[in-house]
Amino acid sequence: MTGGLKRLILVNSYLICLFLASFAQADNKTLLVVGDSLSAGYGIDIKQGWVHQLQLKLDREQLAYTVVNASVSGETTTGGKARLPKLLETHQPDIVLLELGANDGLRGQPIKIPHNNLANMITAVQNADAQVLLIGIQIPPNYGARYTEAFAGIFARLAQTYDTALVPFLLEGVALNPQLMLKDGIHPTAEAQPILLDTVWPYLKPLL
């Protein structure tokens, strides 16, 4: 076999591999995460965050999904609602995980603001023919029991109204464990991230 023929075979093999890889990637469905610092990996390496670990889990289980993490630390439901149309247009997701509201609650926003914003976002996702997984959050009782309970109830009411899947509380088993929270008492540590993923996974898996 001549050197020129060998080079031609190698080039053709390389092009075939690129084609197959591109085809496989194009065939992947898209899972979009729209969240705040809890999903953006605040205070830790982003690769330690539960969203990145979700991609690894999907890969291990040979589930053809590409995870797009559009989470922004400090994001409110108002900011998320403003960003969502462009995100839906750009990524055309099959599933959208909505993890927002904590910053609204920590700022003492009237309950109707996060409720209405999340309702608007759910409707936008459903109108884009994507499934919604709403991720619930609770806040510390800084504003009194009445506000805290009303805030926590937002997510269950929305899930029932719009018939969406719901993770009741993202920080279940984490929030009250000081060893799993950063010094600010708000954000989970790197060690807590697998627990967050385990909390989300049972509600996400039926949507895949």
N, C-alpha and C. Protein backbone atom coordinates (compact mmCIF):
# COMPACT_ATOMS: atom_id res chain seq x y z
N MET A 1 0.86 -1.20 0.00
CA MET A 1 0.00 0.00 0.00
C MET A 1 0.89 1.24 0.00
N THR A 2 0.63 2.14 -0.90
CA THR A 2 1.45 3.34 -1.02
C THR A 2 1.16 4.31 0.13
N GLY A 3 2.13 5.21 0.34
CA GLY A 3 1.94 6.21 1.39
C GLY A 3 0.76 7.11 1.12
N GLY A 4 0.55 7.46 -0.17
CA GLY A 4 -0.58 8.32 -0.52
C GLY A 4 -1.91 7.66 -0.23
N LEU A 5 -2.00 6.35 -0.52
CA LEU A 5 -3.24 5.63 -0.27
C LEU A 5 -3.52 5.53 1.22
N LYS A 6 -2.46 5.30 2.00
CA LYS A 6 -2.63 5.23 3.46
C LYS A 6 -3.17 6.55 4.00
N ARG A 7 -2.58 7.65 3.52
CA ARG A 7 -3.04 8.97 3.98
C ARG A 7 -4.50 9.20 3.60
N LEU A 8 -4.89 8.76 2.40
CA LEU A 8 -6.26 8.93 1.94
C LEU A 8 -7.22 8.14 2.81
N ILE A 9 -6.82 6.91 3.16
CA ILE A 9 -7.67 6.08 4.03
C ILE A 9 -7.81 6.72 5.40
N LEU A 10 -6.70 7.25 5.94
CA LEU A 10 -6.74 7.88 7.27
C LEU A 10 -7.63 9.12 7.25
N VAL A 11 -7.52 9.92 6.19
CA VAL A 11 -8.34 11.13 6.08
C VAL A 11 -9.81 10.75 5.99
N ASN A 12 -10.12 9.77 5.18
CA ASN A 12 -11.52 9.34 5.03
C ASN A 12 -12.08 8.80 6.34
N SER A 13 -11.25 8.03 7.07
CA SER A 13 -11.68 7.48 8.35
C SER A 13 -11.97 8.60 9.34
N TYR A 14 -11.08 9.63 9.33
CA TYR A 14 -11.26 10.78 10.22
C TYR A 14 -12.56 11.51 9.91
N LEU A 15 -12.84 11.71 8.62
CA LEU A 15 -14.05 12.41 8.21
C LEU A 15 -15.29 11.62 8.58
N ILE A 16 -15.23 10.30 8.46
CA ILE A 16 -16.37 9.46 8.83
C ILE A 16 -16.63 9.57 10.33
N CYS A 17 -15.56 9.55 11.13
CA CYS A 17 -15.71 9.68 12.58
C CYS A 17 -16.33 11.02 12.95
N LEU A 18 -15.88 12.09 12.28
CA LEU A 18 -16.46 13.42 12.54
C LEU A 18 -17.93 13.44 12.19
N PHE A 19 -18.28 12.82 11.07
CA PHE A 19 -19.67 12.79 10.63
C PHE A 19 -20.54 12.05 11.64
N LEU A 20 -20.05 10.89 12.09
CA LEU A 20 -20.83 10.09 13.04
C LEU A 20 -20.98 10.82 14.37
N ALA A 21 -19.91 11.48 14.80
CA ALA A 21 -19.97 12.22 16.06
C ALA A 21 -20.95 13.38 15.95
N SER A 22 -20.92 14.08 14.82
CA SER A 22 -21.83 15.21 14.61
C SER A 22 -23.27 14.73 14.54
N PHE A 23 -23.47 13.58 13.88
CA PHE A 23 -24.82 13.04 13.76
C PHE A 23 -25.37 12.64 15.13
N ALA A 24 -24.51 12.00 15.94
CA ALA A 24 -24.95 11.58 17.27
C ALA A 24 -25.29 12.78 18.14
N GLN A 25 -24.45 13.84 18.04
CA GLN A 25 -24.71 15.04 18.84
C GLN A 25 -25.99 15.74 18.39
N ALA A 26 -26.21 15.77 17.07
CA ALA A 26 -27.41 16.42 16.54
C ALA A 26 -28.66 15.66 16.96
N ASP A 27 -28.51 14.36 17.19
CA ASP A 27 -29.65 13.53 17.56
C ASP A 27 -30.00 13.67 19.04
N ASN A 28 -29.11 14.28 19.81
CA ASN A 28 -29.35 14.46 21.23
C ASN A 28 -30.52 15.40 21.47
N LYS A 29 -31.27 15.11 22.52
CA LYS A 29 -32.28 16.05 22.98
C LYS A 29 -31.61 17.05 23.92
N THR A 30 -32.31 18.15 24.16
CA THR A 30 -31.72 19.21 24.99
C THR A 30 -32.50 19.37 26.28
N LEU A 31 -31.75 19.43 27.38
CA LEU A 31 -32.32 19.67 28.70
C LEU A 31 -31.76 21.00 29.18
N LEU A 32 -32.64 21.97 29.35
CA LEU A 32 -32.26 23.33 29.73
C LEU A 32 -32.54 23.57 31.20
N VAL A 33 -31.54 24.05 31.92
CA VAL A 33 -31.70 24.39 33.34
C VAL A 33 -31.67 25.90 33.47
N VAL A 34 -32.76 26.46 33.95
CA VAL A 34 -32.85 27.91 34.18
C VAL A 34 -32.97 28.12 35.68
N GLY A 35 -31.87 28.52 36.29
CA GLY A 35 -31.87 28.62 37.74
C GLY A 35 -31.04 29.78 38.25
N ASP A 36 -30.79 29.73 39.55
CA ASP A 36 -29.99 30.76 40.20
C ASP A 36 -28.69 30.15 40.71
N SER A 37 -28.13 30.69 41.78
CA SER A 37 -26.84 30.24 42.28
C SER A 37 -26.85 28.78 42.73
N LEU A 38 -28.00 28.25 43.10
CA LEU A 38 -28.08 26.86 43.55
C LEU A 38 -27.79 25.90 42.41
N SER A 39 -28.04 26.35 41.20
CA SER A 39 -27.76 25.53 40.02
C SER A 39 -26.53 26.01 39.26
N ALA A 40 -26.09 27.24 39.54
CA ALA A 40 -24.92 27.79 38.86
C ALA A 40 -23.62 27.37 39.53
N GLY A 41 -23.73 26.71 40.69
CA GLY A 41 -22.53 26.24 41.38
C GLY A 41 -21.81 27.32 42.15
N TYR A 42 -22.55 28.19 42.80
CA TYR A 42 -21.94 29.29 43.57
C TYR A 42 -21.00 28.74 44.64
N GLY A 43 -19.78 29.29 44.69
CA GLY A 43 -18.84 28.95 45.74
C GLY A 43 -18.09 27.65 45.55
N ILE A 44 -18.35 26.95 44.45
CA ILE A 44 -17.67 25.69 44.18
C ILE A 44 -17.25 25.66 42.71
N ASP A 45 -16.43 24.70 42.36
CA ASP A 45 -16.09 24.48 40.96
C ASP A 45 -17.35 24.06 40.22
N ILE A 46 -17.61 24.67 39.06
CA ILE A 46 -18.83 24.38 38.32
C ILE A 46 -18.94 22.90 37.98
N LYS A 47 -17.79 22.23 37.82
CA LYS A 47 -17.82 20.81 37.50
C LYS A 47 -18.24 19.94 38.69
N GLN A 48 -18.25 20.55 39.87
CA GLN A 48 -18.73 19.83 41.06
C GLN A 48 -20.23 19.99 41.24
N GLY A 49 -20.82 20.95 40.54
CA GLY A 49 -22.24 21.27 40.72
C GLY A 49 -23.16 20.16 40.26
N TRP A 50 -24.35 20.16 40.80
CA TRP A 50 -25.28 19.07 40.51
C TRP A 50 -25.71 19.06 39.04
N VAL A 51 -25.72 20.22 38.39
CA VAL A 51 -26.13 20.27 36.98
C VAL A 51 -25.08 19.59 36.11
N HIS A 52 -23.81 19.86 36.37
CA HIS A 52 -22.75 19.18 35.62
C HIS A 52 -22.78 17.68 35.90
N GLN A 53 -23.03 17.33 37.15
CA GLN A 53 -23.10 15.91 37.49
C GLN A 53 -24.31 15.24 36.83
N LEU A 54 -25.35 16.01 36.58
CA LEU A 54 -26.50 15.48 35.85
C LEU A 54 -26.09 15.05 34.45
N GLN A 55 -25.30 15.89 33.77
CA GLN A 55 -24.83 15.52 32.43
C GLN A 55 -24.03 14.22 32.48
N LEU A 56 -23.17 14.10 33.47
CA LEU A 56 -22.36 12.88 33.60
C LEU A 56 -23.24 11.66 33.84
N LYS A 57 -24.29 11.83 34.63
CA LYS A 57 -25.19 10.72 34.90
C LYS A 57 -25.96 10.31 33.64
N LEU A 58 -26.42 11.28 32.89
CA LEU A 58 -27.12 11.00 31.64
C LEU A 58 -26.20 10.25 30.68
N ASP A 59 -24.94 10.67 30.63
CA ASP A 59 -23.97 10.01 29.76
C ASP A 59 -23.73 8.57 30.21
N ARG A 60 -23.59 8.37 31.51
CA ARG A 60 -23.35 7.02 32.02
C ARG A 60 -24.51 6.08 31.70
N GLU A 61 -25.71 6.62 31.76
CA GLU A 61 -26.89 5.81 31.51
C GLU A 61 -27.26 5.78 30.03
N GLN A 62 -26.37 6.35 29.21
CA GLN A 62 -26.53 6.35 27.75
C GLN A 62 -27.88 6.95 27.33
N LEU A 63 -28.21 8.04 27.98
CA LEU A 63 -29.41 8.80 27.64
C LEU A 63 -28.97 10.01 26.82
N ALA A 64 -29.48 10.12 25.61
CA ALA A 64 -28.97 11.09 24.64
C ALA A 64 -29.52 12.49 24.90
N TYR A 65 -29.01 13.10 25.95
CA TYR A 65 -29.42 14.47 26.30
C TYR A 65 -28.18 15.34 26.47
N THR A 66 -28.27 16.56 25.96
CA THR A 66 -27.26 17.57 26.21
C THR A 66 -27.83 18.57 27.20
N VAL A 67 -27.14 18.75 28.32
CA VAL A 67 -27.59 19.68 29.35
C VAL A 67 -27.02 21.06 29.08
N VAL A 68 -27.91 22.05 29.03
CA VAL A 68 -27.50 23.45 28.89
C VAL A 68 -27.81 24.14 30.21
N ASN A 69 -26.78 24.59 30.88
CA ASN A 69 -26.98 25.25 32.17
C ASN A 69 -27.03 26.76 31.98
N ALA A 70 -28.23 27.32 32.00
CA ALA A 70 -28.42 28.77 31.83
C ALA A 70 -28.69 29.44 33.16
N SER A 71 -28.15 28.88 34.23
CA SER A 71 -28.37 29.43 35.58
C SER A 71 -27.43 30.59 35.84
N VAL A 72 -27.91 31.58 36.58
CA VAL A 72 -27.14 32.78 36.88
C VAL A 72 -27.25 33.08 38.37
N SER A 73 -26.13 33.20 39.04
CA SER A 73 -26.16 33.53 40.46
C SER A 73 -26.85 34.87 40.68
N GLY A 74 -27.72 34.91 41.67
CA GLY A 74 -28.46 36.12 41.99
C GLY A 74 -29.73 36.31 41.17
N GLU A 75 -30.00 35.38 40.27
CA GLU A 75 -31.17 35.53 39.39
C GLU A 75 -32.48 35.49 40.17
N THR A 76 -33.41 36.32 39.76
CA THR A 76 -34.76 36.33 40.30
C THR A 76 -35.71 35.77 39.25
N THR A 77 -36.95 35.54 39.63
CA THR A 77 -37.93 35.08 38.65
C THR A 77 -38.18 36.14 37.58
N THR A 78 -38.05 37.41 37.96
CA THR A 78 -38.21 38.48 36.97
C THR A 78 -37.12 38.42 35.91
N GLY A 79 -35.89 38.22 36.35
CA GLY A 79 -34.78 38.08 35.41
C GLY A 79 -34.90 36.84 34.56
N GLY A 80 -35.31 35.74 35.19
CA GLY A 80 -35.48 34.51 34.44
C GLY A 80 -36.57 34.62 33.39
N LYS A 81 -37.65 35.27 33.73
CA LYS A 81 -38.74 35.45 32.77
C LYS A 81 -38.27 36.28 31.58
N ALA A 82 -37.44 37.28 31.84
CA ALA A 82 -36.94 38.13 30.75
C ALA A 82 -36.00 37.36 29.83
N ARG A 83 -35.21 36.45 30.39
CA ARG A 83 -34.23 35.72 29.59
C ARG A 83 -34.82 34.52 28.86
N LEU A 84 -35.92 33.99 29.37
CA LEU A 84 -36.43 32.71 28.89
C LEU A 84 -36.77 32.68 27.40
N PRO A 85 -37.45 33.67 26.84
CA PRO A 85 -37.80 33.57 25.41
C PRO A 85 -36.59 33.35 24.51
N LYS A 86 -35.51 34.06 24.76
CA LYS A 86 -34.30 33.89 23.95
C LYS A 86 -33.69 32.51 24.16
N LEU A 87 -33.71 32.03 25.39
CA LEU A 87 -33.18 30.70 25.68
C LEU A 87 -33.97 29.62 24.95
N LEU A 88 -35.28 29.76 24.94
CA LEU A 88 -36.12 28.78 24.25
C LEU A 88 -35.88 28.82 22.74
N GLU A 89 -35.72 30.02 22.22
CA GLU A 89 -35.49 30.17 20.78
C GLU A 89 -34.13 29.60 20.38
N THR A 90 -33.12 29.85 21.21
CA THR A 90 -31.76 29.44 20.89
C THR A 90 -31.56 27.93 21.02
N HIS A 91 -32.06 27.36 22.12
CA HIS A 91 -31.74 25.97 22.44
C HIS A 91 -32.85 24.97 22.06
N GLN A 92 -34.07 25.47 21.87
CA GLN A 92 -35.19 24.60 21.52
C GLN A 92 -35.20 23.33 22.38
N PRO A 93 -35.30 23.50 23.69
CA PRO A 93 -35.17 22.35 24.60
C PRO A 93 -36.37 21.41 24.55
N ASP A 94 -36.10 20.18 24.95
CA ASP A 94 -37.17 19.18 25.10
C ASP A 94 -37.70 19.19 26.53
N ILE A 95 -36.82 19.49 27.48
CA ILE A 95 -37.18 19.57 28.89
C ILE A 95 -36.54 20.82 29.48
N VAL A 96 -37.30 21.53 30.31
CA VAL A 96 -36.77 22.71 30.99
C VAL A 96 -36.94 22.53 32.50
N LEU A 97 -35.84 22.65 33.22
CA LEU A 97 -35.87 22.63 34.67
C LEU A 97 -35.88 24.07 35.15
N LEU A 98 -36.93 24.46 35.84
CA LEU A 98 -37.05 25.82 36.37
C LEU A 98 -36.72 25.81 37.85
N GLU A 99 -35.59 26.40 38.20
CA GLU A 99 -35.15 26.46 39.60
C GLU A 99 -34.94 27.92 39.95
N LEU A 100 -36.02 28.61 40.22
CA LEU A 100 -35.96 30.04 40.53
C LEU A 100 -36.95 30.37 41.64
N GLY A 101 -36.70 31.49 42.29
CA GLY A 101 -37.61 31.95 43.33
C GLY A 101 -36.92 32.25 44.64
N ALA A 102 -35.80 31.59 44.90
CA ALA A 102 -35.13 31.79 46.19
C ALA A 102 -34.75 33.25 46.42
N ASN A 103 -34.23 33.91 45.39
CA ASN A 103 -33.81 35.30 45.57
C ASN A 103 -35.00 36.24 45.72
N ASP A 104 -36.12 35.89 45.13
CA ASP A 104 -37.35 36.67 45.37
C ASP A 104 -37.73 36.59 46.84
N GLY A 105 -37.69 35.35 47.37
CA GLY A 105 -38.07 35.15 48.76
C GLY A 105 -37.12 35.82 49.73
N LEU A 106 -35.82 35.72 49.44
CA LEU A 106 -34.84 36.33 50.34
C LEU A 106 -34.94 37.86 50.33
N ARG A 107 -35.50 38.42 49.26
CA ARG A 107 -35.70 39.87 49.19
C ARG A 107 -37.07 40.29 49.70
N GLY A 108 -37.85 39.33 50.13
CA GLY A 108 -39.17 39.63 50.67
C GLY A 108 -40.16 40.14 49.65
N GLN A 109 -39.99 39.72 48.39
CA GLN A 109 -40.92 40.14 47.34
C GLN A 109 -42.33 39.64 47.65
N PRO A 110 -43.36 40.42 47.30
CA PRO A 110 -44.73 39.92 47.46
C PRO A 110 -44.89 38.59 46.75
N ILE A 111 -45.62 37.68 47.36
CA ILE A 111 -45.77 36.31 46.84
C ILE A 111 -46.24 36.30 45.39
N LYS A 112 -47.08 37.25 45.03
CA LYS A 112 -47.64 37.24 43.68
C LYS A 112 -46.56 37.43 42.60
N ILE A 113 -45.44 38.07 42.95
CA ILE A 113 -44.40 38.31 41.94
C ILE A 113 -43.74 37.01 41.50
N PRO A 114 -43.14 36.21 42.41
CA PRO A 114 -42.58 34.95 41.93
C PRO A 114 -43.64 34.00 41.38
N HIS A 115 -44.83 34.03 41.97
CA HIS A 115 -45.90 33.16 41.48
C HIS A 115 -46.25 33.48 40.03
N ASN A 116 -46.49 34.74 39.75
CA ASN A 116 -46.89 35.14 38.41
C ASN A 116 -45.76 34.97 37.39
N ASN A 117 -44.54 35.28 37.82
CA ASN A 117 -43.40 35.12 36.91
C ASN A 117 -43.19 33.65 36.55
N LEU A 118 -43.25 32.78 37.54
CA LEU A 118 -43.08 31.35 37.28
C LEU A 118 -44.22 30.81 36.43
N ALA A 119 -45.42 31.29 36.68
CA ALA A 119 -46.56 30.87 35.85
C ALA A 119 -46.34 31.26 34.40
N ASN A 120 -45.83 32.48 34.20
CA ASN A 120 -45.53 32.95 32.84
C ASN A 120 -44.46 32.08 32.19
N MET A 121 -43.45 31.70 32.94
CA MET A 121 -42.37 30.88 32.41
C MET A 121 -42.86 29.47 32.07
N ILE A 122 -43.65 28.90 32.93
CA ILE A 122 -44.19 27.56 32.67
C ILE A 122 -45.01 27.57 31.38
N THR A 123 -45.85 28.58 31.25
CA THR A 123 -46.69 28.69 30.05
C THR A 123 -45.83 28.83 28.80
N ALA A 124 -44.76 29.64 28.89
CA ALA A 124 -43.88 29.83 27.73
C ALA A 124 -43.20 28.52 27.34
N VAL A 125 -42.77 27.75 28.32
CA VAL A 125 -42.11 26.47 28.04
C VAL A 125 -43.11 25.50 27.41
N GLN A 126 -44.29 25.42 27.96
CA GLN A 126 -45.30 24.52 27.42
C GLN A 126 -45.72 24.93 26.01
N ASN A 127 -45.80 26.22 25.76
CA ASN A 127 -46.13 26.70 24.41
C ASN A 127 -45.02 26.38 23.41
N ALA A 128 -43.81 26.16 23.92
CA ALA A 128 -42.68 25.79 23.07
C ALA A 128 -42.58 24.27 22.92
N ASP A 129 -43.63 23.56 23.37
CA ASP A 129 -43.69 22.10 23.25
C ASP A 129 -42.58 21.40 24.02
N ALA A 130 -42.21 21.96 25.16
CA ALA A 130 -41.22 21.33 26.02
C ALA A 130 -41.88 20.96 27.35
N GLN A 131 -41.31 19.95 28.00
CA GLN A 131 -41.80 19.55 29.31
C GLN A 131 -41.15 20.41 30.39
N VAL A 132 -41.86 20.59 31.49
CA VAL A 132 -41.38 21.40 32.61
C VAL A 132 -41.14 20.53 33.83
N LEU A 133 -40.00 20.72 34.46
CA LEU A 133 -39.79 20.20 35.81
C LEU A 133 -39.56 21.41 36.70
N LEU A 134 -40.53 21.69 37.56
CA LEU A 134 -40.45 22.82 38.47
C LEU A 134 -39.73 22.36 39.74
N ILE A 135 -38.73 23.12 40.14
CA ILE A 135 -37.92 22.75 41.30
C ILE A 135 -38.24 23.70 42.44
N GLY A 136 -38.82 23.15 43.49
CA GLY A 136 -39.25 23.95 44.62
C GLY A 136 -38.11 24.32 45.55
N ILE A 137 -38.29 25.42 46.23
CA ILE A 137 -37.29 25.91 47.18
C ILE A 137 -38.04 26.47 48.39
N GLN A 138 -37.37 26.45 49.52
CA GLN A 138 -37.91 27.07 50.72
C GLN A 138 -36.89 28.08 51.23
N ILE A 139 -37.35 29.02 52.00
CA ILE A 139 -36.45 30.06 52.52
C ILE A 139 -36.45 30.05 54.04
N PRO A 140 -35.39 30.60 54.65
CA PRO A 140 -35.35 30.70 56.12
C PRO A 140 -36.51 31.57 56.62
N PRO A 141 -36.90 31.40 57.88
CA PRO A 141 -38.08 32.10 58.40
C PRO A 141 -37.82 33.55 58.78
N ASN A 142 -36.99 34.24 58.01
CA ASN A 142 -36.65 35.63 58.34
C ASN A 142 -37.86 36.55 58.33
N TYR A 143 -38.82 36.27 57.46
CA TYR A 143 -39.97 37.16 57.30
C TYR A 143 -41.22 36.65 58.00
N GLY A 144 -41.02 35.69 58.89
CA GLY A 144 -42.15 35.18 59.66
C GLY A 144 -42.76 33.94 59.03
N ALA A 145 -43.46 33.18 59.85
CA ALA A 145 -44.02 31.90 59.42
C ALA A 145 -45.03 32.07 58.29
N ARG A 146 -45.83 33.12 58.34
CA ARG A 146 -46.88 33.29 57.33
C ARG A 146 -46.28 33.46 55.94
N TYR A 147 -45.28 34.32 55.82
CA TYR A 147 -44.64 34.53 54.52
C TYR A 147 -43.90 33.28 54.06
N THR A 148 -43.17 32.65 54.98
CA THR A 148 -42.38 31.47 54.63
C THR A 148 -43.27 30.35 54.12
N GLU A 149 -44.40 30.12 54.78
CA GLU A 149 -45.31 29.06 54.35
C GLU A 149 -45.97 29.40 53.02
N ALA A 150 -46.34 30.66 52.85
CA ALA A 150 -46.95 31.07 51.59
C ALA A 150 -45.97 30.93 50.44
N PHE A 151 -44.71 31.28 50.69
CA PHE A 151 -43.70 31.15 49.66
C PHE A 151 -43.49 29.69 49.27
N ALA A 152 -43.37 28.83 50.25
CA ALA A 152 -43.16 27.41 49.98
C ALA A 152 -44.32 26.81 49.19
N GLY A 153 -45.52 27.35 49.40
CA GLY A 153 -46.69 26.82 48.72
C GLY A 153 -46.81 27.20 47.26
N ILE A 154 -46.02 28.17 46.82
CA ILE A 154 -46.08 28.62 45.42
C ILE A 154 -45.90 27.45 44.46
N PHE A 155 -44.92 26.63 44.72
CA PHE A 155 -44.49 25.62 43.75
C PHE A 155 -45.52 24.50 43.60
N ALA A 156 -46.08 24.04 44.71
CA ALA A 156 -47.09 22.99 44.63
C ALA A 156 -48.34 23.49 43.90
N ARG A 157 -48.72 24.75 44.15
CA ARG A 157 -49.91 25.30 43.49
C ARG A 157 -49.68 25.41 41.97
N LEU A 158 -48.51 25.88 41.60
CA LEU A 158 -48.21 26.01 40.17
C LEU A 158 -48.16 24.64 39.49
N ALA A 159 -47.53 23.67 40.15
CA ALA A 159 -47.43 22.34 39.56
C ALA A 159 -48.80 21.74 39.34
N GLN A 160 -49.71 21.97 40.28
CA GLN A 160 -51.07 21.44 40.15
C GLN A 160 -51.83 22.19 39.06
N THR A 161 -51.71 23.49 39.05
CA THR A 161 -52.45 24.30 38.07
C THR A 161 -52.03 23.99 36.64
N TYR A 162 -50.71 23.85 36.43
CA TYR A 162 -50.20 23.68 35.07
C TYR A 162 -49.79 22.24 34.76
N ASP A 163 -50.10 21.34 35.69
CA ASP A 163 -49.85 19.91 35.47
C ASP A 163 -48.39 19.65 35.10
N THR A 164 -47.49 20.14 35.94
CA THR A 164 -46.06 19.93 35.71
C THR A 164 -45.49 19.00 36.77
N ALA A 165 -44.36 18.38 36.43
CA ALA A 165 -43.62 17.62 37.44
C ALA A 165 -43.00 18.60 38.44
N LEU A 166 -42.83 18.14 39.67
CA LEU A 166 -42.36 19.03 40.74
C LEU A 166 -41.38 18.32 41.65
N VAL A 167 -40.22 18.94 41.86
CA VAL A 167 -39.32 18.56 42.94
C VAL A 167 -39.75 19.40 44.14
N PRO A 168 -40.28 18.79 45.21
CA PRO A 168 -40.83 19.59 46.30
C PRO A 168 -39.84 20.57 46.93
N PHE A 169 -38.58 20.11 47.16
CA PHE A 169 -37.60 20.98 47.82
C PHE A 169 -36.20 20.55 47.41
N LEU A 170 -35.50 21.39 46.68
CA LEU A 170 -34.19 21.05 46.15
C LEU A 170 -33.19 20.72 47.26
N LEU A 171 -33.26 21.43 48.37
CA LEU A 171 -32.26 21.27 49.43
C LEU A 171 -32.70 20.30 50.51
N GLU A 172 -33.60 19.40 50.18
CA GLU A 172 -34.05 18.39 51.14
C GLU A 172 -32.85 17.58 51.63
N GLY A 173 -32.72 17.48 52.98
CA GLY A 173 -31.62 16.73 53.56
C GLY A 173 -30.30 17.47 53.56
N VAL A 174 -30.31 18.70 53.09
CA VAL A 174 -29.08 19.49 53.00
C VAL A 174 -29.18 20.78 53.80
N ALA A 175 -30.29 21.50 53.65
CA ALA A 175 -30.42 22.85 54.19
C ALA A 175 -30.19 22.94 55.70
N LEU A 176 -30.58 21.91 56.44
CA LEU A 176 -30.47 21.96 57.90
C LEU A 176 -29.22 21.27 58.42
N ASN A 177 -28.34 20.89 57.51
CA ASN A 177 -27.09 20.24 57.90
C ASN A 177 -25.93 21.22 57.68
N PRO A 178 -25.40 21.82 58.74
CA PRO A 178 -24.34 22.83 58.58
C PRO A 178 -23.12 22.31 57.84
N GLN A 179 -22.85 21.02 57.92
CA GLN A 179 -21.68 20.45 57.26
C GLN A 179 -21.85 20.41 55.74
N LEU A 180 -23.08 20.54 55.28
CA LEU A 180 -23.34 20.50 53.85
C LEU A 180 -23.65 21.88 53.27
N MET A 181 -23.51 22.91 54.10
CA MET A 181 -23.78 24.27 53.66
C MET A 181 -22.52 25.13 53.81
N LEU A 182 -22.34 26.07 52.88
CA LEU A 182 -21.24 27.02 53.00
C LEU A 182 -21.46 27.92 54.22
N LYS A 183 -20.48 28.71 54.54
CA LYS A 183 -20.55 29.55 55.73
C LYS A 183 -21.70 30.55 55.68
N ASP A 184 -22.16 30.88 54.47
CA ASP A 184 -23.27 31.84 54.38
C ASP A 184 -24.60 31.22 54.80
N GLY A 185 -24.63 29.90 54.96
CA GLY A 185 -25.85 29.23 55.39
C GLY A 185 -26.92 29.15 54.33
N ILE A 186 -26.60 29.55 53.10
CA ILE A 186 -27.59 29.59 52.01
C ILE A 186 -27.24 28.62 50.89
N HIS A 187 -25.95 28.51 50.60
CA HIS A 187 -25.52 27.73 49.45
C HIS A 187 -24.92 26.39 49.88
N PRO A 188 -25.23 25.32 49.16
CA PRO A 188 -24.69 24.01 49.50
C PRO A 188 -23.24 23.85 49.09
N THR A 189 -22.53 23.01 49.80
CA THR A 189 -21.13 22.73 49.52
C THR A 189 -21.00 21.77 48.33
N ALA A 190 -19.76 21.55 47.92
CA ALA A 190 -19.50 20.57 46.86
C ALA A 190 -19.95 19.19 47.29
N GLU A 191 -19.77 18.87 48.57
CA GLU A 191 -20.16 17.55 49.08
C GLU A 191 -21.67 17.33 49.02
N ALA A 192 -22.43 18.43 49.00
CA ALA A 192 -23.89 18.32 48.97
C ALA A 192 -24.45 18.09 47.57
N GLN A 193 -23.64 18.37 46.56
CA GLN A 193 -24.16 18.35 45.19
C GLN A 193 -24.71 16.99 44.74
N PRO A 194 -24.06 15.86 45.08
CA PRO A 194 -24.66 14.57 44.72
C PRO A 194 -26.02 14.35 45.37
N ILE A 195 -26.21 14.91 46.55
CA ILE A 195 -27.51 14.79 47.22
C ILE A 195 -28.57 15.57 46.46
N LEU A 196 -28.20 16.77 45.99
CA LEU A 196 -29.13 17.57 45.19
C LEU A 196 -29.53 16.81 43.93
N LEU A 197 -28.56 16.20 43.27
CA LEU A 197 -28.86 15.43 42.07
C LEU A 197 -29.77 14.26 42.39
N ASP A 198 -29.50 13.58 43.49
CA ASP A 198 -30.35 12.45 43.90
C ASP A 198 -31.77 12.92 44.22
N THR A 199 -31.90 14.15 44.67
CA THR A 199 -33.23 14.71 44.97
C THR A 199 -33.99 15.00 43.69
N VAL A 200 -33.30 15.50 42.68
CA VAL A 200 -33.94 15.87 41.41
C VAL A 200 -34.24 14.65 40.55
N TRP A 201 -33.35 13.69 40.53
CA TRP A 201 -33.39 12.59 39.57
C TRP A 201 -34.71 11.82 39.53
N PRO A 202 -35.30 11.42 40.67
CA PRO A 202 -36.55 10.64 40.60
C PRO A 202 -37.70 11.37 39.91
N TYR A 203 -37.68 12.69 39.96
CA TYR A 203 -38.74 13.47 39.31
C TYR A 203 -38.42 13.77 37.85
N LEU A 204 -37.14 13.78 37.53
CA LEU A 204 -36.71 14.04 36.16
C LEU A 204 -36.80 12.78 35.30
N LYS A 205 -36.41 11.65 35.85
CA LYS A 205 -36.29 10.43 35.05
C LYS A 205 -37.53 10.09 34.27
N PRO A 206 -38.76 10.21 34.82
CA PRO A 206 -39.95 9.87 34.02
C PRO A 206 -40.16 10.77 32.82
N LEU A 207 -39.52 11.93 32.79
CA LEU A 207 -39.67 12.85 31.68
C LEU A 207 -38.72 12.55 30.53
N LEU A 208 -37.71 11.75 30.79
CA LEU A 208 -36.66 11.50 29.80
C LEU A 208 -37.13 10.55 28.71
